[in-house]
Amino acid sequence: DMDASGFSDGQKVKIGNELGVVILHVRTHDK
């Protein structure tokens, strides 16, 4: 999913839905 989204390990991302948006860093987890 990281590769498909074009993210690199430790990259800052936005995650959101109908309720709001949160900003944090993404990390690879293969399990």
All heavy atoms as atom14 arrays in JSON, in Angstrom:
{
  "sequence": "DMDASGFSDGQKVKIGNELGVVILHVRTHDK",
  "atom14_mask": [
    [1, 1, 1, 1, 1, 1, 1, 1, 0, 0, 0, 0, 0, 0],
    [1, 1, 1, 1, 1, 1, 1, 1, 0, 0, 0, 0, 0, 0],
    [1, 1, 1, 1, 1, 1, 1, 1, 0, 0, 0, 0, 0, 0],
    [1, 1, 1, 1, 1, 0, 0, 0, 0, 0, 0, 0, 0, 0],
    [1, 1, 1, 1, 1, 1, 0, 0, 0, 0, 0, 0, 0, 0],
    [1, 1, 1, 1, 0, 0, 0, 0, 0, 0, 0, 0, 0, 0],
    [1, 1, 1, 1, 1, 1, 1, 1, 1, 1, 1, 0, 0, 0],
    [1, 1, 1, 1, 1, 1, 0, 0, 0, 0, 0, 0, 0, 0],
    [1, 1, 1, 1, 1, 1, 1, 1, 0, 0, 0, 0, 0, 0],
    [1, 1, 1, 1, 0, 0, 0, 0, 0, 0, 0, 0, 0, 0],
    [1, 1, 1, 1, 1, 1, 1, 1, 1, 0, 0, 0, 0, 0],
    [1, 1, 1, 1, 1, 1, 1, 1, 1, 0, 0, 0, 0, 0],
    [1, 1, 1, 1, 1, 1, 1, 0, 0, 0, 0, 0, 0, 0],
    [1, 1, 1, 1, 1, 1, 1, 1, 1, 0, 0, 0, 0, 0],
    [1, 1, 1, 1, 1, 1, 1, 1, 0, 0, 0, 0, 0, 0],
    [1, 1, 1, 1, 0, 0, 0, 0, 0, 0, 0, 0, 0, 0],
    [1, 1, 1, 1, 1, 1, 1, 1, 0, 0, 0, 0, 0, 0],
    [1, 1, 1, 1, 1, 1, 1, 1, 1, 0, 0, 0, 0, 0],
    [1, 1, 1, 1, 1, 1, 1, 1, 0, 0, 0, 0, 0, 0],
    [1, 1, 1, 1, 0, 0, 0, 0, 0, 0, 0, 0, 0, 0],
    [1, 1, 1, 1, 1, 1, 1, 0, 0, 0, 0, 0, 0, 0],
    [1, 1, 1, 1, 1, 1, 1, 0, 0, 0, 0, 0, 0, 0],
    [1, 1, 1, 1, 1, 1, 1, 1, 0, 0, 0, 0, 0, 0],
    [1, 1, 1, 1, 1, 1, 1, 1, 0, 0, 0, 0, 0, 0],
    [1, 1, 1, 1, 1, 1, 1, 1, 1, 1, 0, 0, 0, 0],
    [1, 1, 1, 1, 1, 1, 1, 0, 0, 0, 0, 0, 0, 0],
    [1, 1, 1, 1, 1, 1, 1, 1, 1, 1, 1, 0, 0, 0],
    [1, 1, 1, 1, 1, 1, 1, 0, 0, 0, 0, 0, 0, 0],
    [1, 1, 1, 1, 1, 1, 1, 1, 1, 1, 0, 0, 0, 0],
    [1, 1, 1, 1, 1, 1, 1, 1, 0, 0, 0, 0, 0, 0],
    [1, 1, 1, 1, 1, 1, 1, 1, 1, 0, 0, 0, 0, 0]
  ],
  "atom14_positions": [
    [[0.83, -1.21, 0.0], [0.0, 0.0, 0.0], [0.86, 1.26, 0.0], [0.5, 2.28, -0.6], [-0.92, 0.01, 1.22], [-2.09, -0.96, 1.09], [-2.49, -1.24, -0.06], [-2.59, -1.43, 2.12], [0.0, 0.0, 0.0], [0.0, 0.0, 0.0], [0.0, 0.0, 0.0], [0.0, 0.0, 0.0], [0.0, 0.0, 0.0], [0.0, 0.0, 0.0]],
    [[2.03, 1.19, 0.68], [2.96, 2.32, 0.64], [3.41, 2.58, -0.79], [3.4, 3.72, -1.27], [4.17, 2.01, 1.53], [3.87, 1.91, 3.01], [3.97, 3.49, 3.87], [5.74, 3.71, 3.97], [0.0, 0.0, 0.0], [0.0, 0.0, 0.0], [0.0, 0.0, 0.0], [0.0, 0.0, 0.0], [0.0, 0.0, 0.0], [0.0, 0.0, 0.0]],
    [[3.79, 1.5, -1.46], [4.27, 1.65, -2.84], [3.16, 2.17, -3.75], [3.38, 3.08, -4.56], [4.78, 0.31, -3.36], [6.06, -0.14, -2.67], [6.74, 0.71, -2.05], [6.38, -1.34, -2.73], [0.0, 0.0, 0.0], [0.0, 0.0, 0.0], [0.0, 0.0, 0.0], [0.0, 0.0, 0.0], [0.0, 0.0, 0.0], [0.0, 0.0, 0.0]],
    [[1.97, 1.6, -3.61], [0.86, 2.01, -4.47], [0.47, 3.46, -4.24], [0.02, 4.16, -5.16], [-0.34, 1.1, -4.23], [0.0, 0.0, 0.0], [0.0, 0.0, 0.0], [0.0, 0.0, 0.0], [0.0, 0.0, 0.0], [0.0, 0.0, 0.0], [0.0, 0.0, 0.0], [0.0, 0.0, 0.0], [0.0, 0.0, 0.0], [0.0, 0.0, 0.0]],
    [[0.66, 3.93, -3.01], [0.33, 5.32, -2.68], [1.47, 6.28, -2.95], [1.3, 7.5, -2.85], [-0.07, 5.42, -1.2], [-1.17, 4.59, -0.92], [0.0, 0.0, 0.0], [0.0, 0.0, 0.0], [0.0, 0.0, 0.0], [0.0, 0.0, 0.0], [0.0, 0.0, 0.0], [0.0, 0.0, 0.0], [0.0, 0.0, 0.0], [0.0, 0.0, 0.0]],
    [[2.64, 5.73, -3.26], [3.8, 6.57, -3.5], [4.42, 7.14, -2.26], [5.11, 8.17, -2.32], [0.0, 0.0, 0.0], [0.0, 0.0, 0.0], [0.0, 0.0, 0.0], [0.0, 0.0, 0.0], [0.0, 0.0, 0.0], [0.0, 0.0, 0.0], [0.0, 0.0, 0.0], [0.0, 0.0, 0.0], [0.0, 0.0, 0.0], [0.0, 0.0, 0.0]],
    [[4.21, 6.48, -1.11], [4.75, 6.98, 0.16], [6.11, 6.36, 0.44], [6.38, 5.21, 0.07], [3.82, 6.64, 1.33], [2.45, 7.26, 1.24], [1.36, 6.61, 1.8], [2.24, 8.48, 0.61], [0.09, 7.17, 1.74], [0.98, 9.04, 0.54], [-0.1, 8.37, 1.1], [0.0, 0.0, 0.0], [0.0, 0.0, 0.0], [0.0, 0.0, 0.0]],
    [[6.94, 7.1, 1.13], [8.21, 6.57, 1.63], [8.15, 6.45, 3.14], [7.36, 7.13, 3.8], [9.37, 7.49, 1.23], [9.16, 8.8, 1.73], [0.0, 0.0, 0.0], [0.0, 0.0, 0.0], [0.0, 0.0, 0.0], [0.0, 0.0, 0.0], [0.0, 0.0, 0.0], [0.0, 0.0, 0.0], [0.0, 0.0, 0.0], [0.0, 0.0, 0.0]],
    [[8.96, 5.57, 3.7], [8.94, 5.33, 5.14], [9.27, 6.62, 5.89], [10.27, 7.27, 5.61], [9.96, 4.23, 5.48], [9.56, 3.45, 6.71], [8.37, 3.2, 6.88], [10.45, 3.08, 7.49], [0.0, 0.0, 0.0], [0.0, 0.0, 0.0], [0.0, 0.0, 0.0], [0.0, 0.0, 0.0], [0.0, 0.0, 0.0], [0.0, 0.0, 0.0]],
    [[8.42, 6.99, 6.84], [8.63, 8.2, 7.63], [8.03, 9.45, 7.02], [8.14, 10.54, 7.61], [0.0, 0.0, 0.0], [0.0, 0.0, 0.0], [0.0, 0.0, 0.0], [0.0, 0.0, 0.0], [0.0, 0.0, 0.0], [0.0, 0.0, 0.0], [0.0, 0.0, 0.0], [0.0, 0.0, 0.0], [0.0, 0.0, 0.0], [0.0, 0.0, 0.0]],
    [[7.38, 9.32, 5.87], [6.79, 10.49, 5.22], [5.6, 11.02, 6.01], [4.84, 10.27, 6.62], [6.35, 10.13, 3.8], [5.73, 11.27, 3.01], [5.4, 10.87, 1.58], [5.91, 9.87, 1.06], [4.54, 11.64, 0.93], [0.0, 0.0, 0.0], [0.0, 0.0, 0.0], [0.0, 0.0, 0.0], [0.0, 0.0, 0.0], [0.0, 0.0, 0.0]],
    [[5.42, 12.33, 6.0], [4.26, 12.95, 6.63], [3.06, 12.83, 5.69], [3.15, 13.12, 4.5], [4.54, 14.41, 6.92], [3.49, 15.11, 7.77], [3.73, 16.6, 7.85], [5.07, 16.93, 8.47], [5.26, 18.4, 8.56], [0.0, 0.0, 0.0], [0.0, 0.0, 0.0], [0.0, 0.0, 0.0], [0.0, 0.0, 0.0], [0.0, 0.0, 0.0]],
    [[1.92, 12.37, 6.25], [0.72, 12.2, 5.44], [-0.48, 12.81, 6.14], [-0.47, 13.04, 7.35], [0.44, 10.7, 5.15], [1.57, 10.08, 4.35], [0.19, 9.92, 6.44], [0.0, 0.0, 0.0], [0.0, 0.0, 0.0], [0.0, 0.0, 0.0], [0.0, 0.0, 0.0], [0.0, 0.0, 0.0], [0.0, 0.0, 0.0], [0.0, 0.0, 0.0]],
    [[-1.52, 13.05, 5.36], [-2.83, 13.42, 5.89], [-3.74, 12.19, 5.8], [-3.74, 11.47, 4.81], [-3.46, 14.54, 5.06], [-2.8, 15.9, 5.2], [-3.56, 16.92, 4.36], [-2.96, 18.32, 4.5], [-3.69, 19.31, 3.67], [0.0, 0.0, 0.0], [0.0, 0.0, 0.0], [0.0, 0.0, 0.0], [0.0, 0.0, 0.0], [0.0, 0.0, 0.0]],
    [[-4.5, 11.96, 6.87], [-5.47, 10.88, 6.89], [-6.8, 11.49, 7.31], [-6.86, 12.27, 8.26], [-5.01, 9.74, 7.84], [-6.08, 8.66, 7.96], [-4.61, 10.27, 9.2], [-5.61, 7.44, 8.73], [0.0, 0.0, 0.0], [0.0, 0.0, 0.0], [0.0, 0.0, 0.0], [0.0, 0.0, 0.0], [0.0, 0.0, 0.0], [0.0, 0.0, 0.0]],
    [[-7.88, 11.17, 6.56], [-9.13, 11.85, 6.84], [-10.36, 11.06, 6.46], [-10.3, 10.04, 5.78], [0.0, 0.0, 0.0], [0.0, 0.0, 0.0], [0.0, 0.0, 0.0], [0.0, 0.0, 0.0], [0.0, 0.0, 0.0], [0.0, 0.0, 0.0], [0.0, 0.0, 0.0], [0.0, 0.0, 0.0], [0.0, 0.0, 0.0], [0.0, 0.0, 0.0]],
    [[-11.5, 11.56, 6.92], [-12.81, 11.05, 6.53], [-13.83, 12.17, 6.75], [-13.45, 13.34, 6.82], [-13.17, 9.77, 7.29], [-13.2, 9.95, 8.81], [-13.32, 11.05, 9.33], [-13.09, 8.83, 9.53], [0.0, 0.0, 0.0], [0.0, 0.0, 0.0], [0.0, 0.0, 0.0], [0.0, 0.0, 0.0], [0.0, 0.0, 0.0], [0.0, 0.0, 0.0]],
    [[-15.1, 11.8, 6.86], [-16.15, 12.8, 6.97], [-16.02, 13.67, 8.22], [-16.58, 14.77, 8.28], [-17.53, 12.12, 7.01], [-17.83, 11.22, 5.82], [-17.44, 9.77, 6.07], [-16.51, 9.53, 6.89], [-18.05, 8.88, 5.46], [0.0, 0.0, 0.0], [0.0, 0.0, 0.0], [0.0, 0.0, 0.0], [0.0, 0.0, 0.0], [0.0, 0.0, 0.0]],
    [[-15.28, 13.21, 9.21], [-15.23, 13.89, 10.51], [-14.07, 14.85, 10.66], [-14.1, 15.71, 11.55], [-15.17, 12.84, 11.62], [-16.37, 11.89, 11.7], [-16.11, 10.8, 12.72], [-17.64, 12.65, 12.03], [0.0, 0.0, 0.0], [0.0, 0.0, 0.0], [0.0, 0.0, 0.0], [0.0, 0.0, 0.0], [0.0, 0.0, 0.0], [0.0, 0.0, 0.0]],
    [[-13.03, 14.7, 9.83], [-11.88, 15.59, 9.98], [-10.63, 15.04, 9.33], [-10.67, 14.03, 8.61], [0.0, 0.0, 0.0], [0.0, 0.0, 0.0], [0.0, 0.0, 0.0], [0.0, 0.0, 0.0], [0.0, 0.0, 0.0], [0.0, 0.0, 0.0], [0.0, 0.0, 0.0], [0.0, 0.0, 0.0], [0.0, 0.0, 0.0], [0.0, 0.0, 0.0]],
    [[-9.52, 15.7, 9.6], [-8.23, 15.36, 9.0], [-7.18, 15.35, 10.1], [-7.16, 16.23, 10.98], [-7.84, 16.38, 7.91], [-6.46, 16.05, 7.33], [-8.88, 16.41, 6.8], [0.0, 0.0, 0.0], [0.0, 0.0, 0.0], [0.0, 0.0, 0.0], [0.0, 0.0, 0.0], [0.0, 0.0, 0.0], [0.0, 0.0, 0.0], [0.0, 0.0, 0.0]],
    [[-6.29, 14.36, 10.04], [-5.19, 14.22, 10.99], [-3.89, 14.13, 10.2], [-3.83, 13.5, 9.14], [-5.37, 12.95, 11.85], [-4.17, 12.72, 12.75], [-6.65, 13.04, 12.67], [0.0, 0.0, 0.0], [0.0, 0.0, 0.0], [0.0, 0.0, 0.0], [0.0, 0.0, 0.0], [0.0, 0.0, 0.0], [0.0, 0.0, 0.0], [0.0, 0.0, 0.0]],
    [[-2.83, 14.76, 10.72], [-1.52, 14.73, 10.07], [-0.55, 13.96, 10.96], [-0.42, 14.26, 12.15], [-0.99, 16.14, 9.81], [-1.97, 16.92, 8.91], [0.39, 16.1, 9.17], [-1.59, 18.39, 8.73], [0.0, 0.0, 0.0], [0.0, 0.0, 0.0], [0.0, 0.0, 0.0], [0.0, 0.0, 0.0], [0.0, 0.0, 0.0], [0.0, 0.0, 0.0]],
    [[0.12, 12.97, 10.4], [1.11, 12.19, 11.13], [2.05, 11.53, 10.14], [1.95, 11.77, 8.93], [0.44, 11.16, 12.04], [-0.24, 9.93, 11.44], [-0.75, 9.02, 12.56], [-1.38, 10.27, 10.53], [0.0, 0.0, 0.0], [0.0, 0.0, 0.0], [0.0, 0.0, 0.0], [0.0, 0.0, 0.0], [0.0, 0.0, 0.0], [0.0, 0.0, 0.0]],
    [[3.0, 10.74, 10.6], [3.98, 10.1, 9.73], [3.6, 8.64, 9.49], [3.09, 7.96, 10.38], [5.37, 10.18, 10.36], [5.89, 11.58, 10.49], [5.52, 12.41, 11.53], [6.73, 12.3, 9.7], [6.12, 13.58, 11.38], [6.85, 13.54, 10.28], [0.0, 0.0, 0.0], [0.0, 0.0, 0.0], [0.0, 0.0, 0.0], [0.0, 0.0, 0.0]],
    [[3.88, 8.17, 8.29], [3.55, 6.8, 7.91], [4.79, 5.92, 8.02], [5.91, 6.36, 7.74], [2.95, 6.75, 6.49], [3.99, 7.11, 5.44], [2.33, 5.4, 6.19], [0.0, 0.0, 0.0], [0.0, 0.0, 0.0], [0.0, 0.0, 0.0], [0.0, 0.0, 0.0], [0.0, 0.0, 0.0], [0.0, 0.0, 0.0], [0.0, 0.0, 0.0]],
    [[4.58, 4.67, 8.49], [5.7, 3.74, 8.65], [5.31, 2.37, 8.11], [4.19, 1.9, 8.32], [6.09, 3.64, 10.13], [7.19, 2.64, 10.41], [7.84, 2.89, 11.76], [6.94, 2.76, 12.88], [6.71, 1.61, 13.53], [7.3, 0.5, 13.13], [5.89, 1.58, 14.57], [0.0, 0.0, 0.0], [0.0, 0.0, 0.0], [0.0, 0.0, 0.0]],
    [[6.25, 1.72, 7.45], [6.01, 0.4, 6.88], [5.8, -0.64, 7.97], [6.54, -0.69, 8.95], [7.19, -0.03, 6.0], [7.35, 0.92, 4.94], [6.97, -1.41, 5.41], [0.0, 0.0, 0.0], [0.0, 0.0, 0.0], [0.0, 0.0, 0.0], [0.0, 0.0, 0.0], [0.0, 0.0, 0.0], [0.0, 0.0, 0.0], [0.0, 0.0, 0.0]],
    [[4.78, -1.47, 7.79], [4.52, -2.6, 8.71], [3.98, -3.74, 7.85], [2.87, -3.67, 7.33], [3.49, -2.19, 9.77], [3.32, -3.19, 10.86], [4.13, -3.24, 11.96], [2.42, -4.2, 11.01], [3.74, -4.23, 12.76], [2.7, -4.81, 12.2], [0.0, 0.0, 0.0], [0.0, 0.0, 0.0], [0.0, 0.0, 0.0], [0.0, 0.0, 0.0]],
    [[4.78, -4.79, 7.68], [4.41, -5.81, 6.7], [3.46, -6.86, 7.24], [3.03, -7.75, 6.51], [5.66, -6.49, 6.11], [6.51, -7.18, 7.17], [6.15, -7.14, 8.35], [7.55, -7.76, 6.79], [0.0, 0.0, 0.0], [0.0, 0.0, 0.0], [0.0, 0.0, 0.0], [0.0, 0.0, 0.0], [0.0, 0.0, 0.0], [0.0, 0.0, 0.0]],
    [[3.08, -6.78, 8.53], [2.15, -7.76, 9.1], [0.82, -7.09, 9.44], [0.34, -7.14, 10.57], [2.78, -8.41, 10.33], [4.03, -9.21, 10.04], [3.76, -10.4, 9.13], [5.05, -11.13, 8.74], [5.77, -11.67, 9.88], [0.0, 0.0, 0.0], [0.0, 0.0, 0.0], [0.0, 0.0, 0.0], [0.0, 0.0, 0.0], [0.0, 0.0, 0.0]]
  ]
}
